[in-house]
């Protein structure tokens, strides 16, 4: 269905670029976690969330 909408040439280009775009997306996500307060973001990860409990 996607090929009918945008054409087979662009579907092939998208398939070619998908690994590169996913790698850059992962790098961007890691950079976002590094540049911001990492505990704010990692508090949503279930396994890591239990490791940094505050004793209040």
C-alpha atoms as a PDB file:
ATOM      1  CA  UNK A   1       0.000   0.000   0.000  1.00  0.00           C
ATOM      2  CA  UNK A   2       2.849   2.355   0.812  1.00  0.00           C
ATOM      3  CA  UNK A   3       4.413   1.675  -2.587  1.00  0.00           C
ATOM      4  CA  UNK A   4       1.229   2.797  -4.314  1.00  0.00           C
ATOM      5  CA  UNK A   5       1.134   6.004  -2.297  1.00  0.00           C
ATOM      6  CA  UNK A   6       4.716   7.235  -2.681  1.00  0.00           C
ATOM      7  CA  UNK A   7       6.133   5.019  -5.406  1.00  0.00           C
ATOM      8  CA  UNK A   8       8.467   2.017  -5.472  1.00  0.00           C
ATOM      9  CA  UNK A   9      11.625   4.086  -5.848  1.00  0.00           C
ATOM     10  CA  UNK A  10      11.040   5.895  -2.572  1.00  0.00           C
ATOM     11  CA  UNK A  11      10.135   2.672  -0.786  1.00  0.00           C
ATOM     12  CA  UNK A  12      13.482   1.233  -1.876  1.00  0.00           C
ATOM     13  CA  UNK A  13      15.294   4.367  -0.692  1.00  0.00           C
ATOM     14  CA  UNK A  14      13.523   4.165   2.665  1.00  0.00           C
ATOM     15  CA  UNK A  15      14.539   0.510   3.057  1.00  0.00           C
ATOM     16  CA  UNK A  16      18.129   1.433   2.261  1.00  0.00           C
ATOM     17  CA  UNK A  17      18.263   4.295   4.764  1.00  0.00           C
ATOM     18  CA  UNK A  18      16.369   2.558   7.601  1.00  0.00           C
ATOM     19  CA  UNK A  19      19.452   1.055   9.361  1.00  0.00           C
ATOM     20  CA  UNK A  20      21.321   4.350   9.176  1.00  0.00           C
ATOM     21  CA  UNK A  21      18.376   6.344  10.497  1.00  0.00           C
ATOM     22  CA  UNK A  22      17.803   3.910  13.336  1.00  0.00           C
ATOM     23  CA  UNK A  23      21.475   4.093  14.341  1.00  0.00           C
ATOM     24  CA  UNK A  24      21.391   7.897  14.359  1.00  0.00           C
ATOM     25  CA  UNK A  25      18.162   7.765  16.340  1.00  0.00           C
ATOM     26  CA  UNK A  26      19.840   5.590  18.961  1.00  0.00           C
ATOM     27  CA  UNK A  27      22.811   7.952  19.109  1.00  0.00           C
ATOM     28  CA  UNK A  28      20.429  10.886  19.498  1.00  0.00           C
ATOM     29  CA  UNK A  29      18.580   9.121  22.310  1.00  0.00           C
ATOM     30  CA  UNK A  30      21.786   8.375  24.195  1.00  0.00           C
ATOM     31  CA  UNK A  31      22.898  11.978  23.688  1.00  0.00           C
ATOM     32  CA  UNK A  32      19.577  13.222  25.049  1.00  0.00           C
ATOM     33  CA  UNK A  33      19.959  11.077  28.167  1.00  0.00           C
ATOM     34  CA  UNK A  34      23.561  12.262  28.591  1.00  0.00           C
ATOM     35  CA  UNK A  35      22.760  15.953  28.087  1.00  0.00           C
ATOM     36  CA  UNK A  36      19.759  16.004  30.429  1.00  0.00           C
ATOM     37  CA  UNK A  37      19.364  14.818  33.976  1.00  0.00           C
ATOM     38  CA  UNK A  38      19.783  11.095  33.363  1.00  0.00           C
ATOM     39  CA  UNK A  39      17.895  10.067  36.501  1.00  0.00           C
ATOM     40  CA  UNK A  40      14.745  11.816  35.329  1.00  0.00           C
ATOM     41  CA  UNK A  41      14.710   9.736  32.142  1.00  0.00           C
ATOM     42  CA  UNK A  42      15.992   6.467  33.614  1.00  0.00           C
ATOM     43  CA  UNK A  43      13.378   6.523  36.394  1.00  0.00           C
ATOM     44  CA  UNK A  44      10.940   5.268  33.743  1.00  0.00           C
ATOM     45  CA  UNK A  45      13.046   2.175  32.979  1.00  0.00           C
ATOM     46  CA  UNK A  46      11.682  -0.561  35.280  1.00  0.00           C
ATOM     47  CA  UNK A  47      14.904  -2.477  36.060  1.00  0.00           C
ATOM     48  CA  UNK A  48      17.065   0.600  36.598  1.00  0.00           C
ATOM     49  CA  UNK A  49      14.375   2.431  38.572  1.00  0.00           C
ATOM     50  CA  UNK A  50      14.780   0.063  41.555  1.00  0.00           C
ATOM     51  CA  UNK A  51      18.517   0.629  41.828  1.00  0.00           C
ATOM     52  CA  UNK A  52      18.305   4.345  42.644  1.00  0.00           C
ATOM     53  CA  UNK A  53      15.626   4.483  45.332  1.00  0.00           C
ATOM     54  CA  UNK A  54      15.939   7.436  47.705  1.00  0.00           C
ATOM     55  CA  UNK A  55      15.804   6.761  51.427  1.00  0.00           C
ATOM     56  CA  UNK A  56      13.243   9.311  52.536  1.00  0.00           C
END
